[in-house]
Amino acid sequence: MDFIFGPRKTPAQKLKEHQRSLNKAVRDLDRERTKLEAQEKKLIADIKKSAKANQINACKIMAKDLVRTRRYIQKFYQMRTQLQAVGLRIQTMSSNQAMADAMKGVTKAMRSMNKAVNLPELTKIMMDFEKESDMMDMKEEMMNDAIDDNIDEEDDEFESDNIVNQVLDEIGINLNQSLVDAPANKLGQKAAAQPMEEPMLAGDASLQERLNNLRRD
């Protein structure tokens, strides 16, 4: 039947057609009202002209016409207001329909996403992530502790050396000079008291023994 009456229109398309019809009717009313307002101005000018010419009967007739014209102008304003109210209702219905269609699409998308999500697998992934994160935090903490310990030991050694040097400076002793002078004097006295002996080489004795064996053969 579509090829005879044309394709069936959706509610949104029908609402748009009605909205266009209302807008056209409002424009027609505005056009007629503008003509009546121009006629009103002309009647006022004619009444003034007849009054100056002392034509009282003509003034009364034109005054009645002026009253009817103003009444029609007022009716056109009322009809325009009513048409605008209907247009606003149609616009509201169109907006509600668009919102319903959007919510319908979103609902379908959410249903598809919920079906695609595997809750046990997601739970396992989160547990594995938490486990690996805890392990990384533990390793990082151990590395930081090791680095802090090394830095503390170096700082302690440096501080202890400073304390020793400060104490020795207070009593007037140079630690480096004392460590150099003391062994040198003792070793020098020992070297002067005892003559230097020629060392024995085990390699030469082994070589001599092999030569003796060859001679015997």
C-alpha atoms as a PDB file:
ATOM      1  CA  MET A   1       0.000   0.000   0.000  1.00  0.00           C
ATOM      2  CA  ASP A   2       3.004   2.291   0.350  1.00  0.00           C
ATOM      3  CA  PHE A   3       3.298   2.764  -3.407  1.00  0.00           C
ATOM      4  CA  ILE A   4      -0.296   4.152  -3.461  1.00  0.00           C
ATOM      5  CA  PHE A   5      -0.433   6.311  -0.335  1.00  0.00           C
ATOM      6  CA  GLY A   6       3.277   6.812   0.080  1.00  0.00           C
ATOM      7  CA  PRO A   7       5.463   5.626   2.962  1.00  0.00           C
ATOM      8  CA  ARG A   8       3.969   5.719   6.431  1.00  0.00           C
ATOM      9  CA  LYS A   9       5.183   8.700   8.383  1.00  0.00           C
ATOM     10  CA  THR A  10       6.644   8.463  11.823  1.00  0.00           C
ATOM     11  CA  PRO A  11       5.222  10.422  14.781  1.00  0.00           C
ATOM     12  CA  ALA A  12       8.203  12.756  14.682  1.00  0.00           C
ATOM     13  CA  GLN A  13       7.580  13.544  11.012  1.00  0.00           C
ATOM     14  CA  LYS A  14       3.894  14.204  11.706  1.00  0.00           C
ATOM     15  CA  LEU A  15       4.779  16.559  14.549  1.00  0.00           C
ATOM     16  CA  LYS A  16       7.119  18.480  12.255  1.00  0.00           C
ATOM     17  CA  GLU A  17       4.392  18.841   9.641  1.00  0.00           C
ATOM     18  CA  HIS A  18       1.943  20.160  12.219  1.00  0.00           C
ATOM     19  CA  GLN A  19       4.575  22.564  13.496  1.00  0.00           C
ATOM     20  CA  ARG A  20       5.135  23.910   9.991  1.00  0.00           C
ATOM     21  CA  SER A  21       1.379  24.340   9.509  1.00  0.00           C
ATOM     22  CA  LEU A  22       1.078  26.293  12.756  1.00  0.00           C
ATOM     23  CA  ASN A  23       3.987  28.538  11.841  1.00  0.00           C
ATOM     24  CA  LYS A  24       2.372  29.251   8.463  1.00  0.00           C
ATOM     25  CA  ALA A  25      -0.936  30.098  10.155  1.00  0.00           C
ATOM     26  CA  VAL A  26       0.823  32.494  12.534  1.00  0.00           C
ATOM     27  CA  ARG A  27       2.492  34.252   9.602  1.00  0.00           C
ATOM     28  CA  ASP A  28      -0.872  34.605   7.830  1.00  0.00           C
ATOM     29  CA  LEU A  29      -2.443  36.090  10.954  1.00  0.00           C
ATOM     30  CA  ASP A  30       0.408  38.574  11.298  1.00  0.00           C
ATOM     31  CA  ARG A  31      -0.029  39.609   7.683  1.00  0.00           C
ATOM     32  CA  GLU A  32      -3.792  40.200   8.078  1.00  0.00           C
ATOM     33  CA  ARG A  33      -3.278  42.010  11.371  1.00  0.00           C
ATOM     34  CA  THR A  34      -0.769  44.332   9.716  1.00  0.00           C
ATOM     35  CA  LYS A  35      -3.342  45.189   7.043  1.00  0.00           C
ATOM     36  CA  LEU A  36      -5.960  45.939   9.699  1.00  0.00           C
ATOM     37  CA  GLU A  37      -3.558  48.187  11.606  1.00  0.00           C
ATOM     38  CA  ALA A  38      -2.842  50.128   8.396  1.00  0.00           C
ATOM     39  CA  GLN A  39      -6.608  50.427   7.833  1.00  0.00           C
ATOM     40  CA  GLU A  40      -7.018  51.640  11.436  1.00  0.00           C
ATOM     41  CA  LYS A  41      -4.524  54.443  10.859  1.00  0.00           C
ATOM     42  CA  LYS A  42      -6.288  55.415   7.641  1.00  0.00           C
ATOM     43  CA  LEU A  43      -9.697  55.515   9.393  1.00  0.00           C
ATOM     44  CA  ILE A  44      -8.325  57.740  12.145  1.00  0.00           C
ATOM     45  CA  ALA A  45      -6.943  60.141   9.542  1.00  0.00           C
ATOM     46  CA  ASP A  46     -10.305  60.172   7.658  1.00  0.00           C
ATOM     47  CA  ILE A  47     -12.259  60.781  10.877  1.00  0.00           C
ATOM     48  CA  LYS A  48     -10.068  63.783  11.688  1.00  0.00           C
ATOM     49  CA  LYS A  49     -10.491  65.086   8.148  1.00  0.00           C
ATOM     50  CA  SER A  50     -14.299  64.705   8.255  1.00  0.00           C
ATOM     51  CA  ALA A  51     -14.450  66.329  11.671  1.00  0.00           C
ATOM     52  CA  LYS A  52     -12.568  69.348  10.348  1.00  0.00           C
ATOM     53  CA  ALA A  53     -15.020  69.486   7.438  1.00  0.00           C
ATOM     54  CA  ASN A  54     -17.915  69.372   9.957  1.00  0.00           C
ATOM     55  CA  GLN A  55     -19.223  66.042   8.504  1.00  0.00           C
ATOM     56  CA  ILE A  56     -20.575  64.515  11.707  1.00  0.00           C
ATOM     57  CA  ASN A  57     -22.516  61.626  10.124  1.00  0.00           C
ATOM     58  CA  ALA A  58     -19.489  60.477   8.183  1.00  0.00           C
ATOM     59  CA  CYS A  59     -17.450  60.665  11.361  1.00  0.00           C
ATOM     60  CA  LYS A  60     -19.938  58.435  13.190  1.00  0.00           C
ATOM     61  CA  ILE A  61     -19.944  55.806  10.419  1.00  0.00           C
ATOM     62  CA  MET A  62     -16.136  55.719  10.211  1.00  0.00           C
ATOM     63  CA  ALA A  63     -15.966  55.575  14.014  1.00  0.00           C
ATOM     64  CA  LYS A  64     -18.096  52.400  14.018  1.00  0.00           C
ATOM     65  CA  ASP A  65     -15.804  50.937  11.327  1.00  0.00           C
ATOM     66  CA  LEU A  66     -12.799  51.861  13.443  1.00  0.00           C
ATOM     67  CA  VAL A  67     -14.256  50.055  16.480  1.00  0.00           C
ATOM     68  CA  ARG A  68     -14.865  46.885  14.427  1.00  0.00           C
ATOM     69  CA  THR A  69     -11.341  47.089  12.984  1.00  0.00           C
ATOM     70  CA  ARG A  70      -9.759  47.391  16.431  1.00  0.00           C
ATOM     71  CA  ARG A  71     -11.900  44.478  17.637  1.00  0.00           C
ATOM     72  CA  TYR A  72     -10.633  42.270  14.785  1.00  0.00           C
ATOM     73  CA  ILE A  73      -7.056  43.309  15.495  1.00  0.00           C
ATOM     74  CA  GLN A  74      -7.530  42.214  19.094  1.00  0.00           C
ATOM     75  CA  LYS A  75      -8.976  38.877  17.920  1.00  0.00           C
ATOM     76  CA  PHE A  76      -5.989  38.336  15.624  1.00  0.00           C
ATOM     77  CA  TYR A  77      -3.676  38.872  18.603  1.00  0.00           C
ATOM     78  CA  GLN A  78      -5.650  36.312  20.631  1.00  0.00           C
ATOM     79  CA  MET A  79      -5.624  33.737  17.799  1.00  0.00           C
ATOM     80  CA  ARG A  80      -1.878  34.254  17.327  1.00  0.00           C
ATOM     81  CA  THR A  81      -1.309  33.630  21.049  1.00  0.00           C
ATOM     82  CA  GLN A  82      -3.379  30.446  20.941  1.00  0.00           C
ATOM     83  CA  LEU A  83      -1.523  29.142  17.889  1.00  0.00           C
ATOM     84  CA  GLN A  84       1.798  29.841  19.562  1.00  0.00           C
ATOM     85  CA  ALA A  85       0.644  27.919  22.643  1.00  0.00           C
ATOM     86  CA  VAL A  86      -0.290  24.936  20.451  1.00  0.00           C
ATOM     87  CA  GLY A  87       3.077  25.194  18.706  1.00  0.00           C
ATOM     88  CA  LEU A  88       4.855  25.114  22.046  1.00  0.00           C
ATOM     89  CA  ARG A  89       2.940  21.985  23.000  1.00  0.00           C
ATOM     90  CA  ILE A  90       3.914  20.308  19.750  1.00  0.00           C
ATOM     91  CA  GLN A  91       7.550  21.337  20.311  1.00  0.00           C
ATOM     92  CA  THR A  92       7.402  19.871  23.818  1.00  0.00           C
ATOM     93  CA  MET A  93       5.965  16.617  22.494  1.00  0.00           C
ATOM     94  CA  SER A  94       8.689  16.469  19.842  1.00  0.00           C
ATOM     95  CA  SER A  95      11.368  17.016  22.488  1.00  0.00           C
ATOM     96  CA  ASN A  96       9.838  14.297  24.675  1.00  0.00           C
ATOM     97  CA  GLN A  97       9.790  11.924  21.722  1.00  0.00           C
ATOM     98  CA  ALA A  98      13.433  12.673  20.948  1.00  0.00           C
ATOM     99  CA  MET A  99      14.355  12.103  24.583  1.00  0.00           C
ATOM    100  CA  ALA A 100      12.448   8.803  24.621  1.00  0.00           C
ATOM    101  CA  ASP A 101      14.265   7.644  21.479  1.00  0.00           C
ATOM    102  CA  ALA A 102      17.611   8.614  22.965  1.00  0.00           C
ATOM    103  CA  MET A 103      16.865   6.787  26.216  1.00  0.00           C
ATOM    104  CA  LYS A 104      15.796   3.754  24.239  1.00  0.00           C
ATOM    105  CA  GLY A 105      19.105   3.709  22.385  1.00  0.00           C
ATOM    106  CA  VAL A 106      21.069   4.196  25.577  1.00  0.00           C
ATOM    107  CA  THR A 107      19.154   1.366  27.244  1.00  0.00           C
ATOM    108  CA  LYS A 108      20.004  -0.989  24.393  1.00  0.00           C
ATOM    109  CA  ALA A 109      23.671  -0.006  24.571  1.00  0.00           C
ATOM    110  CA  MET A 110      23.776  -0.529  28.338  1.00  0.00           C
ATOM    111  CA  ARG A 111      22.101  -3.928  27.983  1.00  0.00           C
ATOM    112  CA  SER A 112      24.684  -4.986  25.401  1.00  0.00           C
ATOM    113  CA  MET A 113      27.546  -3.788  27.613  1.00  0.00           C
ATOM    114  CA  ASN A 114      26.168  -5.616  30.640  1.00  0.00           C
ATOM    115  CA  LYS A 115      25.927  -8.809  28.621  1.00  0.00           C
ATOM    116  CA  ALA A 116      29.492  -8.385  27.356  1.00  0.00           C
ATOM    117  CA  VAL A 117      30.989  -7.860  30.825  1.00  0.00           C
ATOM    118  CA  ASN A 118      32.160 -11.112  32.420  1.00  0.00           C
ATOM    119  CA  LEU A 119      31.885 -10.479  36.143  1.00  0.00           C
ATOM    120  CA  PRO A 120      34.030 -13.445  37.374  1.00  0.00           C
ATOM    121  CA  GLU A 121      36.771 -12.561  34.895  1.00  0.00           C
ATOM    122  CA  LEU A 122      36.635  -8.921  35.924  1.00  0.00           C
ATOM    123  CA  THR A 123      36.864  -9.933  39.597  1.00  0.00           C
ATOM    124  CA  LYS A 124      39.917 -12.106  38.867  1.00  0.00           C
ATOM    125  CA  ILE A 125      41.578  -9.273  36.954  1.00  0.00           C
ATOM    126  CA  MET A 126      41.041  -6.888  39.854  1.00  0.00           C
ATOM    127  CA  MET A 127      42.433  -9.427  42.344  1.00  0.00           C
ATOM    128  CA  ASP A 128      45.519 -10.029  40.182  1.00  0.00           C
ATOM    129  CA  PHE A 129      46.027  -6.302  39.819  1.00  0.00           C
ATOM    130  CA  GLU A 130      45.812  -5.806  43.568  1.00  0.00           C
ATOM    131  CA  LYS A 131      48.280  -8.661  44.151  1.00  0.00           C
ATOM    132  CA  GLU A 132      50.830  -7.315  41.675  1.00  0.00           C
ATOM    133  CA  SER A 133      50.417  -3.818  43.052  1.00  0.00           C
ATOM    134  CA  ASP A 134      51.104  -5.019  46.605  1.00  0.00           C
ATOM    135  CA  MET A 135      54.177  -6.926  45.420  1.00  0.00           C
ATOM    136  CA  MET A 136      55.506  -3.872  43.621  1.00  0.00           C
ATOM    137  CA  ASP A 137      54.963  -1.738  46.726  1.00  0.00           C
ATOM    138  CA  MET A 138      56.808  -4.300  48.870  1.00  0.00           C
ATOM    139  CA  LYS A 139      59.800  -4.421  46.512  1.00  0.00           C
ATOM    140  CA  GLU A 140      59.933  -0.659  46.324  1.00  0.00           C
ATOM    141  CA  GLU A 141      59.845  -0.411  50.109  1.00  0.00           C
ATOM    142  CA  MET A 142      62.705  -2.955  50.444  1.00  0.00           C
ATOM    143  CA  MET A 143      64.821  -1.057  47.909  1.00  0.00           C
ATOM    144  CA  ASN A 144      64.188   2.220  49.680  1.00  0.00           C
ATOM    145  CA  ASP A 145      65.154   0.657  53.022  1.00  0.00           C
ATOM    146  CA  ALA A 146      68.396  -0.726  51.564  1.00  0.00           C
ATOM    147  CA  ILE A 147      69.297   2.617  50.041  1.00  0.00           C
ATOM    148  CA  ASP A 148      68.492   4.420  53.270  1.00  0.00           C
ATOM    149  CA  ASP A 149      70.651   1.968  55.269  1.00  0.00           C
ATOM    150  CA  ASN A 150      73.659   2.482  52.993  1.00  0.00           C
ATOM    151  CA  ILE A 151      73.285   6.212  53.115  1.00  0.00           C
ATOM    152  CA  ASP A 152      72.955   6.097  56.912  1.00  0.00           C
ATOM    153  CA  GLU A 153      76.135   3.965  57.286  1.00  0.00           C
ATOM    154  CA  GLU A 154      78.162   6.358  55.140  1.00  0.00           C
ATOM    155  CA  ASP A 155      76.799   9.300  57.073  1.00  0.00           C
ATOM    156  CA  ASP A 156      77.603   7.604  60.406  1.00  0.00           C
ATOM    157  CA  GLU A 157      81.177   6.820  59.335  1.00  0.00           C
ATOM    158  CA  PHE A 158      81.729  10.366  58.133  1.00  0.00           C
ATOM    159  CA  GLU A 159      80.276  11.771  61.333  1.00  0.00           C
ATOM    160  CA  SER A 160      82.394   9.463  63.527  1.00  0.00           C
ATOM    161  CA  ASP A 161      85.579  10.507  61.681  1.00  0.00           C
ATOM    162  CA  ASN A 162      84.676  14.155  62.229  1.00  0.00           C
ATOM    163  CA  ILE A 163      84.185  13.506  65.960  1.00  0.00           C
ATOM    164  CA  VAL A 164      87.566  11.712  66.277  1.00  0.00           C
ATOM    165  CA  ASN A 165      89.383  14.469  64.398  1.00  0.00           C
ATOM    166  CA  GLN A 166      87.707  17.090  66.553  1.00  0.00           C
ATOM    167  CA  VAL A 167      88.762  15.338  69.755  1.00  0.00           C
ATOM    168  CA  LEU A 168      92.348  14.898  68.544  1.00  0.00           C
ATOM    169  CA  ASP A 169      92.482  18.555  67.500  1.00  0.00           C
ATOM    170  CA  GLU A 170      91.368  19.543  70.974  1.00  0.00           C
ATOM    171  CA  ILE A 171      94.235  17.549  72.608  1.00  0.00           C
ATOM    172  CA  GLY A 172      96.773  18.684  69.997  1.00  0.00           C
ATOM    173  CA  ILE A 173      97.397  15.407  68.150  1.00  0.00           C
ATOM    174  CA  ASN A 174      97.343  14.852  64.409  1.00  0.00           C
ATOM    175  CA  LEU A 175      96.028  11.361  63.780  1.00  0.00           C
ATOM    176  CA  ASN A 176      97.426  11.007  60.265  1.00  0.00           C
ATOM    177  CA  GLN A 177     100.880  12.195  61.294  1.00  0.00           C
ATOM    178  CA  SER A 178     100.923   9.834  64.292  1.00  0.00           C
ATOM    179  CA  LEU A 179      99.987   6.839  62.150  1.00  0.00           C
ATOM    180  CA  VAL A 180     102.780   7.665  59.662  1.00  0.00           C
ATOM    181  CA  ASP A 181     105.555   8.400  62.155  1.00  0.00           C
ATOM    182  CA  ALA A 182     105.056   5.558  64.611  1.00  0.00           C
ATOM    183  CA  PRO A 183     105.585   2.524  62.311  1.00  0.00           C
ATOM    184  CA  ALA A 184     108.390   4.243  60.411  1.00  0.00           C
ATOM    185  CA  ASN A 185     110.541   4.687  63.534  1.00  0.00           C
ATOM    186  CA  LYS A 186     110.073   1.128  64.758  1.00  0.00           C
ATOM    187  CA  LEU A 187     110.763  -0.415  61.389  1.00  0.00           C
ATOM    188  CA  GLY A 188     113.830   1.768  60.897  1.00  0.00           C
ATOM    189  CA  GLN A 189     115.317   0.681  64.254  1.00  0.00           C
ATOM    190  CA  LYS A 190     114.668  -2.981  63.528  1.00  0.00           C
ATOM    191  CA  ALA A 191     116.228  -2.703  60.084  1.00  0.00           C
ATOM    192  CA  ALA A 192     119.359  -1.137  61.555  1.00  0.00           C
ATOM    193  CA  ALA A 193     119.728  -3.808  64.271  1.00  0.00           C
ATOM    194  CA  GLN A 194     119.398  -6.862  61.989  1.00  0.00           C
ATOM    195  CA  PRO A 195     121.266  -7.329  58.678  1.00  0.00           C
ATOM    196  CA  MET A 196     119.310  -8.252  55.594  1.00  0.00           C
ATOM    197  CA  GLU A 197     119.397 -11.986  54.774  1.00  0.00           C
ATOM    198  CA  GLU A 198     119.392 -13.366  51.242  1.00  0.00           C
ATOM    199  CA  PRO A 199     116.179 -15.236  50.619  1.00  0.00           C
ATOM    200  CA  MET A 200     116.189 -18.878  49.517  1.00  0.00           C
ATOM    201  CA  LEU A 201     114.491 -19.798  46.312  1.00  0.00           C
ATOM    202  CA  ALA A 202     112.683 -23.125  46.133  1.00  0.00           C
ATOM    203  CA  GLY A 203     112.782 -23.085  42.338  1.00  0.00           C
ATOM    204  CA  ASP A 204     116.589 -23.034  42.188  1.00  0.00           C
ATOM    205  CA  ALA A 205     116.845 -26.006  44.577  1.00  0.00           C
ATOM    206  CA  SER A 206     114.472 -28.073  42.471  1.00  0.00           C
ATOM    207  CA  LEU A 207     116.415 -27.266  39.304  1.00  0.00           C
ATOM    208  CA  GLN A 208     119.728 -28.293  40.939  1.00  0.00           C
ATOM    209  CA  GLU A 209     118.290 -31.594  42.099  1.00  0.00           C
ATOM    210  CA  ARG A 210     117.101 -32.442  38.571  1.00  0.00           C
ATOM    211  CA  LEU A 211     120.572 -31.676  37.175  1.00  0.00           C
ATOM    212  CA  ASN A 212     122.145 -33.979  39.720  1.00  0.00           C
ATOM    213  CA  ASN A 213     119.825 -36.796  38.743  1.00  0.00           C
ATOM    214  CA  LEU A 214     120.711 -36.376  35.087  1.00  0.00           C
ATOM    215  CA  ARG A 215     124.421 -36.580  35.864  1.00  0.00           C
ATOM    216  CA  ARG A 216     123.913 -39.762  37.779  1.00  0.00           C
ATOM    217  CA  ASP A 217     122.143 -41.342  34.862  1.00  0.00           C
END
